[in-house]
C-alpha atoms as a PDB file:
ATOM      1  CA  UNK A   1       0.127   0.285  -0.176  1.00  0.00           C
ATOM      2  CA  UNK A   2       0.961   3.251  -0.822  1.00  0.00           C
ATOM      3  CA  UNK A   3       0.066   4.750   2.832  1.00  0.00           C
ATOM      4  CA  UNK A   4       2.373   6.989   4.406  1.00  0.00           C
ATOM      5  CA  UNK A   5       3.429   6.246   8.206  1.00  0.00           C
ATOM      6  CA  UNK A   6       2.064   2.594   7.908  1.00  0.00           C
ATOM      7  CA  UNK A   7       3.828   0.198  10.401  1.00  0.00           C
ATOM      8  CA  UNK A   8       3.362  -3.917  10.390  1.00  0.00           C
ATOM      9  CA  UNK A   9       2.568  -5.223  13.632  1.00  0.00           C
ATOM     10  CA  UNK A  10       3.973  -8.022  13.247  1.00  0.00           C
ATOM     11  CA  UNK A  11       2.557  -9.813  15.722  1.00  0.00           C
ATOM     12  CA  UNK A  12      -0.762  -9.513  14.860  1.00  0.00           C
ATOM     13  CA  UNK A  13      -0.177  -8.850  11.545  1.00  0.00           C
ATOM     14  CA  UNK A  14      -2.225  -5.984  10.923  1.00  0.00           C
ATOM     15  CA  UNK A  15      -1.991  -1.994   9.023  1.00  0.00           C
ATOM     16  CA  UNK A  16      -1.921   0.561  11.515  1.00  0.00           C
ATOM     17  CA  UNK A  17      -2.308   4.395  10.786  1.00  0.00           C
ATOM     18  CA  UNK A  18      -2.353   7.765  11.810  1.00  0.00           C
ATOM     19  CA  UNK A  19      -4.709  10.003   9.963  1.00  0.00           C
ATOM     20  CA  UNK A  20      -2.908  12.484   9.169  1.00  0.00           C
ATOM     21  CA  UNK A  21      -3.900  15.060   6.305  1.00  0.00           C
ATOM     22  CA  UNK A  22      -1.655  13.254   3.987  1.00  0.00           C
ATOM     23  CA  UNK A  23      -2.725  10.257   4.983  1.00  0.00           C
ATOM     24  CA  UNK A  24      -6.240  11.556   4.438  1.00  0.00           C
ATOM     25  CA  UNK A  25      -5.148  12.241   0.916  1.00  0.00           C
ATOM     26  CA  UNK A  26      -4.282   9.209   0.063  1.00  0.00           C
ATOM     27  CA  UNK A  27      -7.152   7.025   1.210  1.00  0.00           C
ATOM     28  CA  UNK A  28      -9.839   9.215  -0.644  1.00  0.00           C
ATOM     29  CA  UNK A  29      -7.832   8.944  -3.815  1.00  0.00           C
ATOM     30  CA  UNK A  30      -7.542   5.336  -3.513  1.00  0.00           C
ATOM     31  CA  UNK A  31     -11.464   4.953  -1.993  1.00  0.00           C
ATOM     32  CA  UNK A  32     -13.296   8.010  -3.519  1.00  0.00           C
ATOM     33  CA  UNK A  33     -13.954   5.952  -6.756  1.00  0.00           C
ATOM     34  CA  UNK A  34     -14.849   2.813  -5.409  1.00  0.00           C
ATOM     35  CA  UNK A  35     -17.099   4.217  -2.402  1.00  0.00           C
ATOM     36  CA  UNK A  36     -19.022   6.462  -5.408  1.00  0.00           C
ATOM     37  CA  UNK A  37     -19.595   3.576  -7.273  1.00  0.00           C
ATOM     38  CA  UNK A  38     -20.602   1.678  -4.445  1.00  0.00           C
ATOM     39  CA  UNK A  39     -23.171   4.657  -3.239  1.00  0.00           C
ATOM     40  CA  UNK A  40     -24.292   4.624  -6.516  1.00  0.00           C
ATOM     41  CA  UNK A  41     -25.402   1.123  -6.264  1.00  0.00           C
ATOM     42  CA  UNK A  42     -28.406   2.167  -3.927  1.00  0.00           C
ATOM     43  CA  UNK A  43     -29.134   5.640  -4.940  1.00  0.00           C
ATOM     44  CA  UNK A  44     -29.196   5.333  -8.935  1.00  0.00           C
ATOM     45  CA  UNK A  45     -27.868   8.884  -9.142  1.00  0.00           C
ATOM     46  CA  UNK A  46     -24.429  10.003  -9.369  1.00  0.00           C
ATOM     47  CA  UNK A  47     -24.198  13.136  -8.032  1.00  0.00           C
ATOM     48  CA  UNK A  48     -26.086  12.096  -5.005  1.00  0.00           C
ATOM     49  CA  UNK A  49     -23.527   9.056  -4.354  1.00  0.00           C
ATOM     50  CA  UNK A  50     -20.805  11.722  -5.107  1.00  0.00           C
ATOM     51  CA  UNK A  51     -22.294  14.486  -2.175  1.00  0.00           C
ATOM     52  CA  UNK A  52     -23.016  10.669   0.286  1.00  0.00           C
ATOM     53  CA  UNK A  53     -19.314   9.903  -0.229  1.00  0.00           C
ATOM     54  CA  UNK A  54     -17.931  13.663   0.521  1.00  0.00           C
ATOM     55  CA  UNK A  55     -20.225  13.693   3.744  1.00  0.00           C
ATOM     56  CA  UNK A  56     -19.065  10.163   4.563  1.00  0.00           C
ATOM     57  CA  UNK A  57     -15.526  11.794   4.429  1.00  0.00           C
ATOM     58  CA  UNK A  58     -16.052  15.042   5.678  1.00  0.00           C
ATOM     59  CA  UNK A  59     -17.033  12.748   8.811  1.00  0.00           C
ATOM     60  CA  UNK A  60     -14.446  10.311   8.433  1.00  0.00           C
ATOM     61  CA  UNK A  61     -11.579  14.003   9.012  1.00  0.00           C
ATOM     62  CA  UNK A  62     -13.402  14.793  12.282  1.00  0.00           C
ATOM     63  CA  UNK A  63     -13.127  11.344  13.513  1.00  0.00           C
ATOM     64  CA  UNK A  64     -10.137  10.832  12.188  1.00  0.00           C
ATOM     65  CA  UNK A  65      -8.315  10.107  15.881  1.00  0.00           C
ATOM     66  CA  UNK A  66     -10.728   7.125  16.780  1.00  0.00           C
ATOM     67  CA  UNK A  67      -9.174   4.684  13.840  1.00  0.00           C
ATOM     68  CA  UNK A  68      -6.160   3.112  14.430  1.00  0.00           C
ATOM     69  CA  UNK A  69      -5.500   0.485  11.765  1.00  0.00           C
ATOM     70  CA  UNK A  70      -6.565   0.716   8.124  1.00  0.00           C
ATOM     71  CA  UNK A  71      -9.518  -2.013   8.385  1.00  0.00           C
ATOM     72  CA  UNK A  72     -11.394  -0.053  10.590  1.00  0.00           C
ATOM     73  CA  UNK A  73     -11.791   3.193   8.471  1.00  0.00           C
ATOM     74  CA  UNK A  74     -12.439   0.859   5.826  1.00  0.00           C
ATOM     75  CA  UNK A  75     -14.998  -0.698   7.392  1.00  0.00           C
ATOM     76  CA  UNK A  76     -16.682   2.919   8.498  1.00  0.00           C
ATOM     77  CA  UNK A  77     -16.240   4.180   4.488  1.00  0.00           C
ATOM     78  CA  UNK A  78     -18.360   1.503   2.927  1.00  0.00           C
ATOM     79  CA  UNK A  79     -20.963   0.990   6.305  1.00  0.00           C
ATOM     80  CA  UNK A  80     -21.355   4.817   6.669  1.00  0.00           C
ATOM     81  CA  UNK A  81     -21.652   5.805   3.056  1.00  0.00           C
ATOM     82  CA  UNK A  82     -24.239   2.406   2.933  1.00  0.00           C
ATOM     83  CA  UNK A  83     -26.023   4.317   6.202  1.00  0.00           C
ATOM     84  CA  UNK A  84     -26.305   7.478   4.452  1.00  0.00           C
ATOM     85  CA  UNK A  85     -27.622   6.027   1.499  1.00  0.00           C
ATOM     86  CA  UNK A  86     -30.155   4.212   2.912  1.00  0.00           C
ATOM     87  CA  UNK A  87     -31.494   7.528   4.737  1.00  0.00           C
ATOM     88  CA  UNK A  88     -31.073   9.469   2.219  1.00  0.00           C
ATOM     89  CA  UNK A  89     -33.979   6.783   0.241  1.00  0.00           C
ATOM     90  CA  UNK A  90     -35.939   6.808   3.326  1.00  0.00           C
ATOM     91  CA  UNK A  91     -35.722  10.446   3.375  1.00  0.00           C
ATOM     92  CA  UNK A  92     -36.422  10.811  -0.170  1.00  0.00           C
ATOM     93  CA  UNK A  93     -39.786   8.112  -0.406  1.00  0.00           C
ATOM     94  CA  UNK A  94     -41.127  10.152   2.914  1.00  0.00           C
ATOM     95  CA  UNK A  95     -40.654  13.649   0.809  1.00  0.00           C
ATOM     96  CA  UNK A  96     -42.601  11.935  -2.264  1.00  0.00           C
ATOM     97  CA  UNK A  97     -44.677  10.866  -0.199  1.00  0.00           C
ATOM     98  CA  UNK A  98     -45.581  14.058   1.288  1.00  0.00           C
ATOM     99  CA  UNK A  99     -45.488  15.400  -2.297  1.00  0.00           C
ATOM    100  CA  UNK A 100     -47.784  13.694  -3.604  1.00  0.00           C
ATOM    101  CA  UNK A 101     -50.575  14.557  -0.765  1.00  0.00           C
ATOM    102  CA  UNK A 102     -49.753  17.992  -1.559  1.00  0.00           C
ATOM    103  CA  UNK A 103     -50.489  17.877  -5.136  1.00  0.00           C
ATOM    104  CA  UNK A 104     -53.736  15.727  -4.178  1.00  0.00           C
ATOM    105  CA  UNK A 105     -55.175  18.651  -1.798  1.00  0.00           C
ATOM    106  CA  UNK A 106     -54.253  21.033  -4.610  1.00  0.00           C
ATOM    107  CA  UNK A 107     -57.657  19.953  -6.767  1.00  0.00           C
ATOM    108  CA  UNK A 108     -59.962  21.622  -7.234  1.00  0.00           C
ATOM    109  CA  UNK A 109     -62.203  18.706  -5.880  1.00  0.00           C
ATOM    110  CA  UNK A 110     -60.512  18.702  -2.729  1.00  0.00           C
ATOM    111  CA  UNK A 111     -61.136  22.694  -2.116  1.00  0.00           C
ATOM    112  CA  UNK A 112     -64.624  21.875  -2.885  1.00  0.00           C
ATOM    113  CA  UNK A 113     -65.100  18.662  -0.908  1.00  0.00           C
ATOM    114  CA  UNK A 114     -62.983  20.669   2.179  1.00  0.00           C
ATOM    115  CA  UNK A 115     -65.433  23.353   1.757  1.00  0.00           C
ATOM    116  CA  UNK A 116     -68.656  21.115   2.007  1.00  0.00           C
ATOM    117  CA  UNK A 117     -67.087  19.679   5.196  1.00  0.00           C
ATOM    118  CA  UNK A 118     -66.135  22.381   6.820  1.00  0.00           C
ATOM    119  CA  UNK A 119     -69.345  24.425   6.032  1.00  0.00           C
ATOM    120  CA  UNK A 120     -71.559  20.888   6.614  1.00  0.00           C
ATOM    121  CA  UNK A 121     -69.649  20.973  10.303  1.00  0.00           C
ATOM    122  CA  UNK A 122     -70.666  24.737  11.026  1.00  0.00           C
ATOM    123  CA  UNK A 123     -74.016  24.387  10.624  1.00  0.00           C
ATOM    124  CA  UNK A 124     -74.605  21.223  12.335  1.00  0.00           C
ATOM    125  CA  UNK A 125     -72.981  23.015  15.165  1.00  0.00           C
ATOM    126  CA  UNK A 126     -74.847  26.370  14.840  1.00  0.00           C
ATOM    127  CA  UNK A 127     -77.881  23.763  14.994  1.00  0.00           C
ATOM    128  CA  UNK A 128     -76.770  21.633  18.215  1.00  0.00           C
ATOM    129  CA  UNK A 129     -75.825  24.983  20.010  1.00  0.00           C
ATOM    130  CA  UNK A 130     -79.750  25.614  19.661  1.00  0.00           C
ATOM    131  CA  UNK A 131     -80.512  22.874  21.231  1.00  0.00           C
ATOM    132  CA  UNK A 132     -81.693  22.643  25.368  1.00  0.00           C
ATOM    133  CA  UNK A 133     -78.860  21.529  27.866  1.00  0.00           C
ATOM    134  CA  UNK A 134     -78.931  17.917  28.044  1.00  0.00           C
ATOM    135  CA  UNK A 135     -80.011  17.179  24.383  1.00  0.00           C
ATOM    136  CA  UNK A 136     -76.850  19.480  22.701  1.00  0.00           C
ATOM    137  CA  UNK A 137     -74.789  17.723  25.657  1.00  0.00           C
ATOM    138  CA  UNK A 138     -75.997  14.179  24.262  1.00  0.00           C
ATOM    139  CA  UNK A 139     -75.306  15.247  20.561  1.00  0.00           C
ATOM    140  CA  UNK A 140     -71.915  16.761  20.761  1.00  0.00           C
ATOM    141  CA  UNK A 141     -71.018  12.984  22.605  1.00  0.00           C
ATOM    142  CA  UNK A 142     -72.575  11.209  20.256  1.00  0.00           C
ATOM    143  CA  UNK A 143     -70.563  13.594  17.276  1.00  0.00           C
ATOM    144  CA  UNK A 144     -67.435  12.276  19.075  1.00  0.00           C
ATOM    145  CA  UNK A 145     -68.856   9.071  18.401  1.00  0.00           C
ATOM    146  CA  UNK A 146     -69.691   7.409  22.097  1.00  0.00           C
ATOM    147  CA  UNK A 147     -72.372   5.107  22.030  1.00  0.00           C
ATOM    148  CA  UNK A 148     -75.171   5.489  24.243  1.00  0.00           C
ATOM    149  CA  UNK A 149     -74.405   3.717  27.523  1.00  0.00           C
ATOM    150  CA  UNK A 150     -71.107   5.521  27.659  1.00  0.00           C
ATOM    151  CA  UNK A 151     -73.475   9.298  27.015  1.00  0.00           C
ATOM    152  CA  UNK A 152     -75.467   8.274  30.203  1.00  0.00           C
ATOM    153  CA  UNK A 153     -72.611   6.872  32.405  1.00  0.00           C
ATOM    154  CA  UNK A 154     -70.952  10.399  31.487  1.00  0.00           C
ATOM    155  CA  UNK A 155     -73.922  12.541  31.623  1.00  0.00           C
ATOM    156  CA  UNK A 156     -75.005  10.262  34.673  1.00  0.00           C
ATOM    157  CA  UNK A 157     -78.748   9.613  33.072  1.00  0.00           C
ATOM    158  CA  UNK A 158     -80.064   6.093  32.146  1.00  0.00           C
ATOM    159  CA  UNK A 159     -79.999   4.835  28.699  1.00  0.00           C
ATOM    160  CA  UNK A 160     -83.349   4.867  27.449  1.00  0.00           C
ATOM    161  CA  UNK A 161     -83.163   8.680  28.243  1.00  0.00           C
ATOM    162  CA  UNK A 162     -80.356   9.038  26.094  1.00  0.00           C
ATOM    163  CA  UNK A 163     -81.967   7.084  23.684  1.00  0.00           C
ATOM    164  CA  UNK A 164     -85.545   9.217  23.663  1.00  0.00           C
ATOM    165  CA  UNK A 165     -84.201  12.410  23.710  1.00  0.00           C
ATOM    166  CA  UNK A 166     -81.216  11.937  20.754  1.00  0.00           C
ATOM    167  CA  UNK A 167     -84.540  10.771  18.709  1.00  0.00           C
ATOM    168  CA  UNK A 168     -85.800  14.149  19.699  1.00  0.00           C
ATOM    169  CA  UNK A 169     -82.636  15.901  18.713  1.00  0.00           C
ATOM    170  CA  UNK A 170     -82.694  14.652  15.932  1.00  0.00           C
ATOM    171  CA  UNK A 171     -86.743  16.266  14.803  1.00  0.00           C
ATOM    172  CA  UNK A 172     -85.031  19.160  16.413  1.00  0.00           C
ATOM    173  CA  UNK A 173     -81.813  19.307  14.053  1.00  0.00           C
ATOM    174  CA  UNK A 174     -84.037  17.826  11.203  1.00  0.00           C
ATOM    175  CA  UNK A 175     -86.409  20.688  11.279  1.00  0.00           C
ATOM    176  CA  UNK A 176     -83.274  22.954  12.282  1.00  0.00           C
ATOM    177  CA  UNK A 177     -81.351  22.370   8.787  1.00  0.00           C
ATOM    178  CA  UNK A 178     -84.574  22.001   6.371  1.00  0.00           C
ATOM    179  CA  UNK A 179     -83.481  25.477   4.748  1.00  0.00           C
ATOM    180  CA  UNK A 180     -80.045  24.289   4.174  1.00  0.00           C
ATOM    181  CA  UNK A 181     -80.862  20.274   2.521  1.00  0.00           C
ATOM    182  CA  UNK A 182     -81.630  21.957  -0.436  1.00  0.00           C
ATOM    183  CA  UNK A 183     -78.344  24.394  -0.338  1.00  0.00           C
ATOM    184  CA  UNK A 184     -76.643  20.662  -0.198  1.00  0.00           C
ATOM    185  CA  UNK A 185     -78.081  18.656  -3.303  1.00  0.00           C
ATOM    186  CA  UNK A 186     -77.280  22.149  -5.116  1.00  0.00           C
ATOM    187  CA  UNK A 187     -73.371  21.455  -4.361  1.00  0.00           C
ATOM    188  CA  UNK A 188     -73.220  17.811  -5.079  1.00  0.00           C
ATOM    189  CA  UNK A 189     -74.870  18.046  -8.426  1.00  0.00           C
END
């Protein structure tokens, strides 16, 4: 190998190194192309692969004092490139999924549906606010997805009372919302 300041430890036959600037430059020259090729196998993008390898070499320079043997440096380089590439792929996947959601939200149908949903909720909430106190509480809990038994327990009344008051509340809500019925039909046509 053409590495400066390399000594062969005869008892263990392992190459030890001191990663000074010249040594780092030699390792960079020796492994850069191979690491870019290795990263390309994951990324399939030459520029992104080169960026990853450069980031890994920058990290190597930061932690250069942690290495005593060449095999540690090689293991670090290949492992770090693989991990960095996998992280980039995961980030790209998440970014792509987010981008697709944003594109879907930009459609006119999404915009119209969101408005209709919000307006419907607002109108229904206003109608529920006009109900007597106990009926209002029952309907609000029902909108939260609570069952009659849960509502009864929470309001400290019988389940039959909840059922009866719900029926009365539905009749009153239909009366409050009749004006909006035709309006909603027009929106969906």
